[in-house]
Amino acid sequence: MLRNQKPSFKINGALSKAYKNVRWDSFNSSKVILEARAIYFDYLLNNKQRTRPIGVILKPFRLGSVIHKNYTILPDEIFIPIDVILHRH
């Protein structure tokens, strides 16, 4: 997509803060958050870029990613917001 070009369609709820509606007791959230923290702190140690990310995407059977802008989450991915990673929820 080119800069400043509007998308040709809208996905309802795609930009919502859906993670607030996630029931953290429905899975092993402590393990997920620990994994996201490990990815985030590894990012801090190995990157000179110091812009604040919005969160971490966890991908099954692969390393996760630190993200800095809106990202389309695939069905098998989990988004952990930076406030949860840093205990600011």
N, C-alpha and C. Protein backbone atom coordinates (compact mmCIF):
# COMPACT_ATOMS: atom_id res chain seq x y z
N MET A 1 0.85 -1.17 0.00
CA MET A 1 0.00 0.00 0.00
C MET A 1 0.89 1.23 0.00
N LEU A 2 0.56 2.21 -0.80
CA LEU A 2 1.31 3.45 -0.87
C LEU A 2 0.98 4.32 0.32
N ARG A 3 1.91 5.17 0.68
CA ARG A 3 1.67 6.08 1.80
C ARG A 3 0.47 6.97 1.52
N ASN A 4 -0.26 7.26 2.56
CA ASN A 4 -1.43 8.14 2.52
C ASN A 4 -2.56 7.61 1.63
N GLN A 5 -2.47 6.38 1.22
CA GLN A 5 -3.55 5.78 0.42
C GLN A 5 -4.48 5.04 1.37
N LYS A 6 -5.76 5.27 1.24
CA LYS A 6 -6.73 4.60 2.10
C LYS A 6 -6.95 3.18 1.60
N PRO A 7 -7.19 2.25 2.51
CA PRO A 7 -7.46 0.88 2.07
C PRO A 7 -8.76 0.82 1.27
N SER A 8 -8.86 -0.17 0.40
CA SER A 8 -10.04 -0.31 -0.44
C SER A 8 -11.21 -0.95 0.31
N PHE A 9 -10.95 -1.51 1.48
CA PHE A 9 -12.00 -2.11 2.29
C PHE A 9 -11.63 -2.00 3.75
N LYS A 10 -12.58 -2.23 4.62
CA LYS A 10 -12.37 -2.12 6.06
C LYS A 10 -12.71 -3.46 6.71
N ILE A 11 -11.88 -3.89 7.63
CA ILE A 11 -12.15 -5.08 8.42
C ILE A 11 -12.65 -4.59 9.78
N ASN A 12 -13.90 -4.81 10.06
CA ASN A 12 -14.46 -4.35 11.32
C ASN A 12 -13.72 -4.94 12.51
N GLY A 13 -13.32 -4.08 13.43
CA GLY A 13 -12.63 -4.51 14.63
C GLY A 13 -11.15 -4.77 14.46
N ALA A 14 -10.59 -4.56 13.29
CA ALA A 14 -9.19 -4.87 13.05
C ALA A 14 -8.26 -4.00 13.87
N LEU A 15 -8.63 -2.78 14.13
CA LEU A 15 -7.77 -1.88 14.88
C LEU A 15 -8.22 -1.70 16.33
N SER A 16 -9.14 -2.52 16.77
CA SER A 16 -9.63 -2.40 18.14
C SER A 16 -8.62 -2.97 19.12
N LYS A 17 -8.80 -2.64 20.36
CA LYS A 17 -7.93 -3.17 21.41
C LYS A 17 -8.54 -4.47 21.92
N ALA A 18 -8.55 -5.47 21.09
CA ALA A 18 -9.22 -6.74 21.39
C ALA A 18 -8.58 -7.47 22.56
N TYR A 19 -7.30 -7.22 22.82
CA TYR A 19 -6.64 -7.94 23.90
C TYR A 19 -7.28 -7.67 25.25
N LYS A 20 -7.97 -6.53 25.41
CA LYS A 20 -8.62 -6.24 26.67
C LYS A 20 -9.78 -7.19 26.92
N ASN A 21 -10.30 -7.81 25.87
CA ASN A 21 -11.41 -8.73 26.00
C ASN A 21 -10.94 -10.18 26.13
N VAL A 22 -9.64 -10.41 26.05
CA VAL A 22 -9.11 -11.76 26.16
C VAL A 22 -9.21 -12.21 27.61
N ARG A 23 -9.68 -13.42 27.80
CA ARG A 23 -9.70 -13.99 29.15
C ARG A 23 -8.34 -14.62 29.40
N TRP A 24 -7.52 -13.94 30.17
CA TRP A 24 -6.15 -14.39 30.41
C TRP A 24 -6.11 -15.71 31.17
N ASP A 25 -7.20 -16.10 31.82
CA ASP A 25 -7.23 -17.37 32.53
C ASP A 25 -7.61 -18.53 31.61
N SER A 26 -7.87 -18.24 30.33
CA SER A 26 -8.25 -19.30 29.41
C SER A 26 -7.05 -20.05 28.81
N PHE A 27 -5.86 -19.60 29.13
CA PHE A 27 -4.62 -20.27 28.68
C PHE A 27 -3.53 -19.94 29.68
N ASN A 28 -2.36 -20.49 29.50
CA ASN A 28 -1.25 -20.26 30.42
C ASN A 28 -0.65 -18.89 30.13
N SER A 29 -1.30 -17.84 30.62
CA SER A 29 -0.89 -16.48 30.30
C SER A 29 0.48 -16.15 30.86
N SER A 30 0.85 -16.69 32.00
CA SER A 30 2.17 -16.37 32.56
C SER A 30 3.28 -16.85 31.64
N LYS A 31 3.11 -18.01 31.03
CA LYS A 31 4.12 -18.52 30.08
C LYS A 31 4.19 -17.63 28.84
N VAL A 32 3.04 -17.22 28.34
CA VAL A 32 2.98 -16.37 27.15
C VAL A 32 3.63 -15.02 27.44
N ILE A 33 3.32 -14.43 28.58
CA ILE A 33 3.90 -13.13 28.93
C ILE A 33 5.41 -13.25 29.15
N LEU A 34 5.86 -14.31 29.78
CA LEU A 34 7.30 -14.52 29.96
C LEU A 34 8.02 -14.65 28.62
N GLU A 35 7.42 -15.35 27.70
CA GLU A 35 8.01 -15.50 26.37
C GLU A 35 8.08 -14.14 25.67
N ALA A 36 7.01 -13.35 25.78
CA ALA A 36 7.00 -12.02 25.16
C ALA A 36 8.05 -11.12 25.79
N ARG A 37 8.21 -11.20 27.11
CA ARG A 37 9.24 -10.40 27.79
C ARG A 37 10.64 -10.78 27.31
N ALA A 38 10.88 -12.07 27.17
CA ALA A 38 12.20 -12.53 26.70
C ALA A 38 12.50 -11.96 25.31
N ILE A 39 11.52 -11.97 24.43
CA ILE A 39 11.70 -11.42 23.08
C ILE A 39 11.94 -9.92 23.15
N TYR A 40 11.17 -9.23 23.99
CA TYR A 40 11.31 -7.77 24.11
C TYR A 40 12.68 -7.39 24.69
N PHE A 41 13.12 -8.07 25.75
CA PHE A 41 14.40 -7.72 26.36
C PHE A 41 15.57 -8.11 25.45
N ASP A 42 15.43 -9.16 24.69
CA ASP A 42 16.44 -9.51 23.68
C ASP A 42 16.52 -8.40 22.63
N TYR A 43 15.37 -7.88 22.25
CA TYR A 43 15.32 -6.76 21.31
C TYR A 43 16.06 -5.54 21.90
N LEU A 44 15.82 -5.23 23.17
CA LEU A 44 16.48 -4.08 23.80
C LEU A 44 17.99 -4.25 23.84
N LEU A 45 18.45 -5.46 24.10
CA LEU A 45 19.89 -5.72 24.17
C LEU A 45 20.58 -5.68 22.82
N ASN A 46 19.88 -6.04 21.77
CA ASN A 46 20.52 -6.22 20.47
C ASN A 46 20.19 -5.18 19.41
N ASN A 47 19.40 -4.17 19.75
CA ASN A 47 19.03 -3.15 18.77
C ASN A 47 19.33 -1.77 19.30
N LYS A 48 19.82 -0.93 18.43
CA LYS A 48 20.12 0.46 18.81
C LYS A 48 18.90 1.35 18.67
N GLN A 49 17.93 0.92 17.90
CA GLN A 49 16.70 1.69 17.72
C GLN A 49 15.97 1.75 19.06
N ARG A 50 15.62 2.92 19.49
CA ARG A 50 14.98 3.07 20.80
C ARG A 50 13.57 3.63 20.73
N THR A 51 12.89 3.45 19.61
CA THR A 51 11.49 3.84 19.57
C THR A 51 10.68 2.83 20.36
N ARG A 52 9.67 3.31 21.01
CA ARG A 52 8.85 2.43 21.86
C ARG A 52 7.95 1.55 21.00
N PRO A 53 8.07 0.25 21.14
CA PRO A 53 7.19 -0.65 20.38
C PRO A 53 5.80 -0.67 20.98
N ILE A 54 4.83 -1.17 20.20
CA ILE A 54 3.47 -1.30 20.73
C ILE A 54 3.23 -2.68 21.33
N GLY A 55 4.13 -3.62 21.05
CA GLY A 55 3.97 -4.95 21.62
C GLY A 55 4.82 -5.99 20.93
N VAL A 56 4.52 -7.23 21.25
CA VAL A 56 5.24 -8.38 20.70
C VAL A 56 4.22 -9.32 20.08
N ILE A 57 4.57 -9.85 18.93
CA ILE A 57 3.76 -10.88 18.27
C ILE A 57 4.45 -12.21 18.51
N LEU A 58 3.73 -13.16 19.09
CA LEU A 58 4.25 -14.51 19.28
C LEU A 58 3.74 -15.39 18.16
N LYS A 59 4.66 -16.15 17.58
CA LYS A 59 4.33 -17.01 16.46
C LYS A 59 4.65 -18.45 16.85
N PRO A 60 3.75 -19.38 16.61
CA PRO A 60 4.02 -20.76 16.99
C PRO A 60 5.18 -21.35 16.20
N PHE A 61 6.06 -22.06 16.90
CA PHE A 61 7.19 -22.77 16.32
C PHE A 61 8.21 -21.85 15.65
N ARG A 62 8.14 -20.55 15.91
CA ARG A 62 9.09 -19.58 15.37
C ARG A 62 9.35 -18.52 16.43
N LEU A 63 10.40 -17.74 16.22
CA LEU A 63 10.64 -16.62 17.11
C LEU A 63 9.56 -15.57 16.94
N GLY A 64 9.27 -14.86 17.99
CA GLY A 64 8.31 -13.78 17.91
C GLY A 64 8.97 -12.52 17.37
N SER A 65 8.18 -11.46 17.29
CA SER A 65 8.66 -10.19 16.74
C SER A 65 8.19 -9.03 17.58
N VAL A 66 9.06 -8.04 17.74
CA VAL A 66 8.68 -6.77 18.35
C VAL A 66 8.10 -5.92 17.24
N ILE A 67 6.94 -5.31 17.48
CA ILE A 67 6.32 -4.49 16.44
C ILE A 67 6.17 -3.05 16.91
N HIS A 68 6.25 -2.13 15.97
CA HIS A 68 6.20 -0.70 16.27
C HIS A 68 4.98 0.01 15.69
N LYS A 69 4.22 -0.67 14.86
CA LYS A 69 3.03 -0.06 14.26
C LYS A 69 1.96 -1.13 14.12
N ASN A 70 0.79 -0.71 13.70
CA ASN A 70 -0.31 -1.66 13.55
C ASN A 70 0.12 -2.82 12.66
N TYR A 71 -0.31 -3.98 13.03
CA TYR A 71 0.11 -5.21 12.37
C TYR A 71 -1.11 -6.11 12.27
N THR A 72 -1.29 -6.73 11.14
CA THR A 72 -2.40 -7.66 10.98
C THR A 72 -1.99 -9.00 11.60
N ILE A 73 -2.71 -9.39 12.63
CA ILE A 73 -2.39 -10.62 13.34
C ILE A 73 -3.02 -11.80 12.63
N LEU A 74 -2.21 -12.79 12.34
CA LEU A 74 -2.69 -14.01 11.71
C LEU A 74 -3.38 -14.89 12.75
N PRO A 75 -4.23 -15.80 12.34
CA PRO A 75 -4.98 -16.62 13.30
C PRO A 75 -4.13 -17.40 14.29
N ASP A 76 -2.93 -17.80 13.90
CA ASP A 76 -2.09 -18.59 14.81
C ASP A 76 -1.11 -17.73 15.61
N GLU A 77 -1.22 -16.40 15.54
CA GLU A 77 -0.33 -15.50 16.26
C GLU A 77 -1.04 -14.91 17.48
N ILE A 78 -0.23 -14.47 18.43
CA ILE A 78 -0.75 -13.85 19.65
C ILE A 78 -0.07 -12.49 19.80
N PHE A 79 -0.87 -11.45 20.02
CA PHE A 79 -0.33 -10.11 20.26
C PHE A 79 -0.32 -9.85 21.76
N ILE A 80 0.85 -9.48 22.28
CA ILE A 80 0.99 -9.11 23.68
C ILE A 80 1.37 -7.62 23.71
N PRO A 81 0.49 -6.75 24.23
CA PRO A 81 0.78 -5.32 24.26
C PRO A 81 1.95 -5.00 25.19
N ILE A 82 2.66 -3.93 24.89
CA ILE A 82 3.83 -3.54 25.68
C ILE A 82 3.45 -3.26 27.13
N ASP A 83 2.26 -2.73 27.38
CA ASP A 83 1.85 -2.46 28.76
C ASP A 83 1.72 -3.74 29.58
N VAL A 84 1.31 -4.82 28.96
CA VAL A 84 1.23 -6.11 29.66
C VAL A 84 2.64 -6.64 29.91
N ILE A 85 3.51 -6.50 28.92
CA ILE A 85 4.89 -6.98 29.05
C ILE A 85 5.61 -6.25 30.18
N LEU A 86 5.32 -4.94 30.33
CA LEU A 86 5.98 -4.12 31.35
C LEU A 86 5.16 -3.97 32.62
N HIS A 87 4.13 -4.77 32.81
CA HIS A 87 3.26 -4.74 34.00
C HIS A 87 2.52 -3.42 34.17
N ARG A 88 2.09 -2.82 33.09
CA ARG A 88 1.37 -1.53 33.20
C ARG A 88 -0.09 -1.68 32.84
N HIS A 89 -0.68 -2.83 33.04
CA HIS A 89 -2.07 -3.05 32.67
C HIS A 89 -3.01 -2.82 33.83
